[in-house]
Amino acid sequence: MEILIYGTINSVALALYALGFALVYGISRLPNFAHGALYVLSGFIAWSAINTLGLNYPLSILLTMVVMAVIGALIYYLFLIRVRGMEISEIIASYAIALAILEGLRWGGFRGMTYTLPAFIEGSTAIAGISVDYQRLLVVGFGAVLVIFLWLFTHYTRIGLALRGMAQDERAALMLGIDSDIMAVVAMGLGSMLAAFAAILLLPLGNIVVESGYNVLILAIAVCIVGGIGSWIGAVLAAFLIGFAQILTVVYLGSHYQMMVALLAIILTLIIKPSGLFGQQKELEERV
C-alpha cells in the first residue's frame, strides 16, 4: 500500500512537472529548456508576494500565475521568436534563459534552505494504515482536476481548438487563418502558468532551491521523451511509469538512485523506441 500510495503521488508530481513542457512543444514545436527555471522562479515570486509584499496566500498564488504567464509570453516575443524553426538555436536560447534566471537568483542571494511556501492544509491522515500529508493528497486531487480541465479546454473552447489544430497540422491551421506566433505566445503563457501551478502545489513539500530547476527540467524531459514528445496523454502515462519505477527504486535500492531512473528512461527510450509511447516523430527505419 505504501508503494501504491506514494507511487501515485510521485507520478502525479511528475505529470505536473511535464505538462507545461509537453504543451509548449506539442503546439509550437519549441523545446522550452527554461521550464525548470520558470518553476523555481514561480516559487520565488510566490514567496516574495507573501513575505515581502505581505499579500495573503490565495492572492499571492493568483499574482504568481498571472506574472508567470506574462513572463512566458515575453520570453517568446523577445527571444524565441527570433530563432523559431532552428532546432539547435531554440535549445541553446531557451537553456541560456534558464541559466540566466537560475544563476541570477543564486547571485541575488536566493540560496540555502530558508525559503519555503506554506502548505495549503497542515497535518496528515492515515490511508490503509499509511500516513499521508494533506498537501500530498491535494497534489493528487488538483493534478487530476488539471488534466480534466486541459482536456475540456482543448476540446470545447475556441482557443483550445485552435491550439489543437496547430499541434495536429500547422500548415492546415495557417491556411485556416490561425496565427502561428499568437498560438506560440498562448502556449508559452499556458506552459509557464502550468510550471507555476506545479511549483505552488509541490514546493510546500520541501524548500525552494535553485538546484531544483535543473532536476525539474530533467524529469520533465524524461517524461516527455518516454511518453512521446508533444503528446499530453503520453506524458501522463509516462509519468506513472517513471513515478512508480522511482518509488520502487527508493524502496529497494535507495533514494540516491531516484534520478538515475529518469536518466535511464531517456536512454532506453531513445535506443528502443525514439518516438516514445505516443510520439509522432519518425522512427529510424522510416528515415532511411
Protein backbone atom coordinates (compact mmCIF):
# COMPACT_ATOMS: atom_id res chain seq x y z
CA MET A 1 0.00 0.00 0.00
CA GLU A 2 2.87 2.38 0.73
CA ILE A 3 4.29 1.81 -2.77
CA LEU A 4 0.84 2.24 -4.32
CA ILE A 5 0.03 5.45 -2.45
CA TYR A 6 3.38 7.19 -2.76
CA GLY A 7 3.88 5.87 -6.29
CA THR A 8 0.63 7.58 -7.30
CA ILE A 9 1.63 10.81 -5.57
CA ASN A 10 5.08 10.78 -7.22
CA SER A 11 3.54 10.01 -10.62
CA VAL A 12 1.11 12.93 -10.40
CA ALA A 13 4.00 15.20 -9.37
CA LEU A 14 5.98 14.12 -12.46
CA ALA A 15 2.94 14.77 -14.65
CA LEU A 16 2.66 18.27 -13.18
CA TYR A 17 6.35 18.87 -13.93
CA ALA A 18 5.97 17.75 -17.54
CA LEU A 19 2.59 19.05 -18.73
CA GLY A 20 3.79 22.60 -19.35
CA PHE A 21 6.84 21.40 -21.31
CA ALA A 22 4.71 18.96 -23.33
CA LEU A 23 2.07 21.60 -24.09
CA VAL A 24 4.57 24.16 -25.41
CA TYR A 25 6.36 21.65 -27.62
CA GLY A 26 3.17 19.96 -28.79
CA ILE A 27 1.70 23.24 -30.05
CA SER A 28 4.66 25.31 -31.22
CA ARG A 29 7.42 22.67 -31.52
CA LEU A 30 9.56 24.77 -29.18
CA PRO A 31 11.69 22.77 -26.71
CA ASN A 32 11.37 25.13 -23.75
CA PHE A 33 14.51 24.33 -21.75
CA ALA A 34 13.68 27.26 -19.46
CA HIS A 35 10.80 25.23 -17.98
CA GLY A 36 12.66 24.22 -14.80
CA ALA A 37 13.86 27.77 -14.24
CA LEU A 38 10.30 29.07 -14.56
CA TYR A 39 9.27 26.52 -11.93
CA VAL A 40 11.81 27.88 -9.44
CA LEU A 41 11.05 31.49 -10.39
CA SER A 42 7.37 30.83 -9.64
CA GLY A 43 8.28 29.70 -6.12
CA PHE A 44 10.41 32.79 -5.62
CA ILE A 45 7.64 35.12 -6.81
CA ALA A 46 5.05 33.43 -4.56
CA TRP A 47 7.44 33.57 -1.58
CA SER A 48 8.18 37.26 -2.23
CA ALA A 49 4.48 38.10 -2.58
CA ILE A 50 3.79 36.54 0.82
CA ASN A 51 6.85 37.67 2.78
CA THR A 52 7.85 40.93 1.07
CA LEU A 53 4.59 42.36 -0.26
CA GLY A 54 2.53 40.96 2.63
CA LEU A 55 -0.20 39.51 0.43
CA ASN A 56 -2.37 36.63 1.58
CA TYR A 57 -1.76 33.16 0.17
CA PRO A 58 -4.62 32.99 -2.39
CA LEU A 59 -3.79 36.44 -3.79
CA SER A 60 -0.10 35.50 -3.95
CA ILE A 61 -0.97 32.40 -5.95
CA LEU A 62 -3.11 34.40 -8.38
CA LEU A 63 -0.40 37.05 -8.78
CA THR A 64 2.23 34.36 -9.41
CA MET A 65 0.14 32.69 -12.11
CA VAL A 66 -0.51 35.98 -13.93
CA VAL A 67 3.11 37.14 -13.69
CA MET A 68 4.40 33.81 -14.99
CA ALA A 69 2.00 33.89 -17.94
CA VAL A 70 3.34 37.34 -18.85
CA ILE A 71 6.95 36.21 -18.42
CA GLY A 72 6.35 33.18 -20.65
CA ALA A 73 4.82 35.37 -23.37
CA LEU A 74 7.71 37.86 -23.13
CA ILE A 75 10.29 35.07 -23.41
CA TYR A 76 8.77 34.08 -26.73
CA TYR A 77 8.32 37.60 -28.08
CA LEU A 78 11.76 38.85 -27.04
CA PHE A 79 13.92 35.77 -27.63
CA LEU A 80 12.44 32.58 -29.04
CA ILE A 81 10.55 34.16 -31.94
CA ARG A 82 13.92 35.13 -33.46
CA VAL A 83 15.23 31.55 -33.53
CA ARG A 84 11.99 29.64 -34.10
CA GLY A 85 12.42 26.87 -36.63
CA MET A 86 16.15 26.49 -35.89
CA GLU A 87 16.11 23.50 -33.55
CA ILE A 88 19.60 23.81 -32.07
CA SER A 89 19.26 27.58 -31.64
CA GLU A 90 15.91 27.09 -29.86
CA ILE A 91 17.50 24.73 -27.35
CA ILE A 92 20.53 26.99 -26.81
CA ALA A 93 18.41 30.13 -26.44
CA SER A 94 15.89 28.62 -24.00
CA TYR A 95 18.63 26.97 -21.93
CA ALA A 96 20.56 30.26 -21.82
CA ILE A 97 17.41 31.93 -20.47
CA ALA A 98 17.16 29.18 -17.84
CA LEU A 99 20.77 29.72 -16.77
CA ALA A 100 20.23 33.47 -16.58
CA ILE A 101 17.17 33.04 -14.35
CA LEU A 102 18.61 30.37 -12.04
CA GLU A 103 22.08 31.81 -11.66
CA GLY A 104 20.60 35.29 -11.35
CA LEU A 105 18.55 34.09 -8.38
CA ARG A 106 21.64 32.47 -6.89
CA TRP A 107 23.71 35.64 -7.43
CA GLY A 108 20.93 37.68 -5.83
CA GLY A 109 21.20 35.69 -2.61
CA PHE A 110 18.39 33.21 -3.22
CA ARG A 111 20.23 30.23 -1.79
CA GLY A 112 20.14 27.95 1.22
CA MET A 113 17.26 26.09 2.81
CA THR A 114 15.36 29.02 4.33
CA TYR A 115 12.83 29.67 1.57
CA THR A 116 9.62 27.66 1.84
CA LEU A 117 5.98 28.00 0.89
CA PRO A 118 3.28 27.14 3.44
CA ALA A 119 1.17 24.05 2.93
CA PHE A 120 -2.44 24.60 1.89
CA ILE A 121 -3.62 22.38 4.76
CA GLU A 122 -1.37 21.37 7.64
CA GLY A 123 -1.37 17.87 9.09
CA SER A 124 -1.78 14.35 7.77
CA THR A 125 -4.19 11.46 7.69
CA ALA A 126 -3.95 7.67 7.50
CA ILE A 127 -4.92 5.71 4.39
CA ALA A 128 -4.86 1.93 4.85
CA GLY A 129 -2.54 2.46 7.79
CA ILE A 130 -0.14 4.70 5.80
CA SER A 131 0.37 8.28 6.97
CA VAL A 132 -0.07 10.80 4.13
CA ASP A 133 0.19 14.59 4.32
CA TYR A 134 -2.90 16.54 3.31
CA GLN A 135 -0.72 18.55 0.91
CA ARG A 136 0.20 15.37 -0.99
CA LEU A 137 -3.46 14.44 -1.25
CA LEU A 138 -4.15 17.89 -2.66
CA VAL A 139 -1.39 17.31 -5.23
CA VAL A 140 -3.23 14.22 -6.48
CA GLY A 141 -6.63 15.92 -6.43
CA PHE A 142 -5.55 19.12 -8.15
CA GLY A 143 -3.45 17.15 -10.63
CA ALA A 144 -6.49 15.13 -11.70
CA VAL A 145 -8.59 18.30 -11.96
CA LEU A 146 -5.88 19.95 -14.08
CA VAL A 147 -5.79 17.07 -16.59
CA ILE A 148 -9.58 17.14 -16.90
CA PHE A 149 -9.56 20.93 -17.29
CA LEU A 150 -6.92 20.80 -20.04
CA TRP A 151 -8.92 18.17 -21.91
CA LEU A 152 -12.11 20.25 -21.71
CA PHE A 153 -10.24 23.45 -22.60
CA THR A 154 -8.67 21.93 -25.72
CA HIS A 155 -11.92 20.30 -26.89
CA TYR A 156 -14.62 22.88 -26.13
CA THR A 157 -13.10 26.38 -26.39
CA ARG A 158 -12.12 28.35 -29.49
CA ILE A 159 -8.58 28.96 -28.24
CA GLY A 160 -8.21 25.33 -27.20
CA LEU A 161 -9.41 24.08 -30.58
CA ALA A 162 -7.01 26.48 -32.32
CA LEU A 163 -4.17 25.13 -30.18
CA ARG A 164 -5.13 21.55 -31.08
CA GLY A 165 -5.29 22.46 -34.74
CA MET A 166 -1.83 23.99 -34.60
CA ALA A 167 -0.49 20.92 -32.81
CA GLN A 168 -2.02 18.47 -35.31
CA ASP A 169 -1.20 20.21 -38.60
CA GLU A 170 0.47 23.62 -38.54
CA ARG A 171 0.19 24.22 -42.31
CA ALA A 172 -3.52 23.45 -42.38
CA ALA A 173 -4.05 25.69 -39.35
CA LEU A 174 -2.21 28.54 -41.07
CA MET A 175 -4.40 28.10 -44.15
CA LEU A 176 -7.46 28.47 -41.92
CA GLY A 177 -6.19 31.79 -40.62
CA ILE A 178 -4.72 30.70 -37.27
CA ASP A 179 -1.69 32.83 -36.44
CA SER A 180 1.26 30.61 -35.54
CA ASP A 181 3.06 33.23 -33.46
CA ILE A 182 -0.05 34.11 -31.45
CA MET A 183 -0.63 30.43 -30.71
CA ALA A 184 3.02 30.09 -29.66
CA VAL A 185 2.61 33.05 -27.29
CA VAL A 186 -0.53 31.48 -25.81
CA ALA A 187 1.27 28.15 -25.48
CA MET A 188 4.26 29.74 -23.72
CA GLY A 189 1.94 31.63 -21.39
CA LEU A 190 -0.05 28.48 -20.55
CA GLY A 191 3.12 26.42 -20.19
CA SER A 192 4.57 28.97 -17.76
CA MET A 193 1.31 29.01 -15.80
CA LEU A 194 1.42 25.21 -15.58
CA ALA A 195 5.00 25.44 -14.28
CA ALA A 196 3.77 27.93 -11.66
CA PHE A 197 0.83 25.69 -10.77
CA ALA A 198 3.19 22.75 -10.23
CA ALA A 199 5.54 24.88 -8.13
CA ILE A 200 2.78 26.19 -5.88
CA LEU A 201 1.48 22.66 -5.28
CA LEU A 202 4.81 20.86 -4.85
CA LEU A 203 7.20 23.37 -3.28
CA PRO A 204 5.36 23.34 0.10
CA LEU A 205 6.59 19.72 0.38
CA GLY A 206 10.21 20.95 0.52
CA ASN A 207 12.41 24.00 0.16
CA ILE A 208 12.77 26.44 -2.73
CA VAL A 209 16.30 25.91 -4.02
CA VAL A 210 17.90 26.88 -7.33
CA GLU A 211 19.10 23.33 -7.98
CA SER A 212 15.53 22.03 -8.21
CA GLY A 213 15.19 23.90 -11.52
CA TYR A 214 17.70 21.58 -13.17
CA ASN A 215 16.05 18.49 -11.64
CA VAL A 216 12.58 19.53 -12.78
CA LEU A 217 13.86 20.08 -16.33
CA ILE A 218 15.45 16.61 -16.43
CA LEU A 219 12.31 14.95 -15.07
CA ALA A 220 10.05 16.84 -17.49
CA ILE A 221 12.24 15.86 -20.45
CA ALA A 222 12.31 12.23 -19.30
CA VAL A 223 8.52 12.07 -19.02
CA CYS A 224 8.01 13.73 -22.42
CA ILE A 225 10.56 11.52 -24.20
CA VAL A 226 9.12 8.30 -22.79
CA GLY A 227 5.53 9.39 -23.47
CA GLY A 228 6.35 10.84 -26.88
CA ILE A 229 7.43 14.44 -27.44
CA GLY A 230 4.34 16.60 -27.82
CA SER A 231 1.81 14.01 -26.59
CA TRP A 232 -0.04 15.15 -23.48
CA ILE A 233 -1.68 11.77 -22.83
CA GLY A 234 1.67 10.08 -23.38
CA ALA A 235 3.24 12.41 -20.82
CA VAL A 236 0.66 11.44 -18.19
CA LEU A 237 1.12 7.69 -18.81
CA ALA A 238 4.91 8.03 -18.84
CA ALA A 239 4.73 9.95 -15.55
CA PHE A 240 3.08 6.93 -13.94
CA LEU A 241 5.64 4.52 -15.40
CA ILE A 242 8.61 6.57 -14.22
CA GLY A 243 6.91 7.59 -10.96
CA PHE A 244 6.32 4.02 -9.80
CA ALA A 245 9.77 2.97 -11.04
CA GLN A 246 11.31 5.72 -8.90
CA ILE A 247 9.38 4.67 -5.79
CA LEU A 248 10.38 1.02 -6.28
CA THR A 249 13.99 2.13 -6.69
CA VAL A 250 13.83 4.17 -3.48
CA VAL A 251 12.32 1.23 -1.56
CA TYR A 252 14.71 -1.46 -2.78
CA LEU A 253 17.90 0.43 -3.69
CA GLY A 254 17.91 3.84 -2.02
CA SER A 255 16.84 7.43 -2.62
CA HIS A 256 20.15 8.45 -4.24
CA TYR A 257 19.30 6.25 -7.25
CA GLN A 258 15.99 8.02 -7.89
CA MET A 259 17.27 10.46 -10.53
CA MET A 260 19.06 7.63 -12.33
CA VAL A 261 15.67 6.13 -13.16
CA ALA A 262 14.75 9.21 -15.20
CA LEU A 263 18.11 9.23 -17.00
CA LEU A 264 17.89 5.50 -17.78
CA ALA A 265 14.34 6.00 -19.05
CA ILE A 266 15.62 8.63 -21.51
CA ILE A 267 18.49 6.42 -22.73
CA LEU A 268 16.43 3.23 -23.09
CA THR A 269 13.59 5.03 -24.90
CA LEU A 270 15.96 6.64 -27.37
CA ILE A 271 17.54 3.24 -28.06
CA ILE A 272 14.39 1.10 -28.26
CA LYS A 273 11.65 3.48 -29.47
CA PRO A 274 12.91 7.02 -30.12
CA SER A 275 9.42 8.36 -30.83
CA GLY A 276 8.20 7.32 -27.35
CA LEU A 277 4.91 5.67 -26.48
CA PHE A 278 2.62 8.07 -28.35
CA GLY A 279 5.06 10.29 -30.24
CA GLN A 280 4.75 11.28 -33.89
CA GLN A 281 8.46 11.55 -34.69
CA LYS A 282 9.78 9.38 -37.48
CA GLU A 283 11.48 6.15 -36.49
CA LEU A 284 14.92 5.32 -37.89
CA GLU A 285 13.59 2.82 -40.44
CA GLU A 286 11.19 5.49 -41.77
CA ARG A 287 14.01 7.98 -42.33
CA VAL A 288 16.49 5.67 -44.05
